[in-house]
Amino acid sequence: MYLKLKQTRVYQEAREEGKLEAVPKFLALGLTVEQIAQALDLDVTQVQQVAQQTSLNQ
């Protein structure tokens, strides 16, 4: 049953959301967008979008 849960769309979206929430913390540590994307297994474009939103909110 545990494996089936990991395959659901809801689980995948929640996991992705958690990764995106970590982006500002990595940016604050001085990592580049490319480094963050690689570390979190995300597209560079996704990380750039979060970085732009973060800079607009400050």
Protein backbone atom coordinates (compact mmCIF):
# COMPACT_ATOMS: atom_id res chain seq x y z
CA MET A 1 0.00 0.00 0.00
CA TYR A 2 2.87 2.41 0.76
CA LEU A 3 4.18 2.16 -2.80
CA LYS A 4 0.75 2.88 -4.24
CA LEU A 5 0.52 6.07 -2.16
CA LYS A 6 3.84 7.30 -3.54
CA GLN A 7 2.52 6.86 -7.06
CA THR A 8 -0.55 9.05 -6.57
CA ARG A 9 -0.76 12.50 -8.13
CA VAL A 10 -1.57 14.06 -4.74
CA TYR A 11 1.55 12.58 -3.18
CA GLN A 12 3.73 13.73 -6.08
CA GLU A 13 2.31 17.26 -5.97
CA ALA A 14 2.82 17.50 -2.21
CA ARG A 15 6.39 16.33 -2.59
CA GLU A 16 7.03 18.88 -5.36
CA GLU A 17 5.50 21.65 -3.24
CA GLY A 18 7.83 20.77 -0.37
CA LYS A 19 10.82 21.04 -2.67
CA LEU A 20 9.67 24.43 -3.95
CA GLU A 21 9.30 25.69 -0.38
CA ALA A 22 12.96 24.83 0.25
CA VAL A 23 14.20 27.00 -2.63
CA PRO A 24 14.30 30.34 -0.72
CA LYS A 25 16.31 28.71 2.07
CA PHE A 26 18.90 27.46 -0.41
CA LEU A 27 19.02 30.87 -2.09
CA ALA A 28 19.67 32.47 1.30
CA LEU A 29 22.63 30.13 1.71
CA GLY A 30 24.08 31.49 -1.52
CA LEU A 31 23.49 28.52 -3.80
CA THR A 32 22.91 29.20 -7.48
CA VAL A 33 19.65 28.40 -9.22
CA GLU A 34 21.40 25.58 -11.07
CA GLN A 35 22.78 24.08 -7.86
CA ILE A 36 19.37 24.19 -6.21
CA ALA A 37 17.68 22.60 -9.21
CA GLN A 38 20.21 19.80 -9.21
CA ALA A 39 20.02 19.23 -5.45
CA LEU A 40 16.22 19.12 -5.39
CA ASP A 41 15.80 17.34 -8.71
CA LEU A 42 13.77 20.22 -10.18
CA ASP A 43 13.83 22.06 -13.48
CA VAL A 44 15.92 25.23 -13.49
CA THR A 45 12.82 27.09 -14.72
CA GLN A 46 10.86 26.07 -11.62
CA VAL A 47 13.63 27.29 -9.34
CA GLN A 48 13.91 30.57 -11.27
CA GLN A 49 10.19 31.19 -10.85
CA VAL A 50 10.38 30.68 -7.10
CA ALA A 51 13.48 32.89 -6.92
CA GLN A 52 11.67 35.68 -8.75
CA GLN A 53 8.62 35.39 -6.49
CA THR A 54 10.86 35.43 -3.44
CA SER A 55 12.67 38.58 -4.55
CA LEU A 56 9.34 40.32 -5.28
CA ASN A 57 8.02 39.51 -1.82
CA GLN A 58 10.99 41.01 0.01
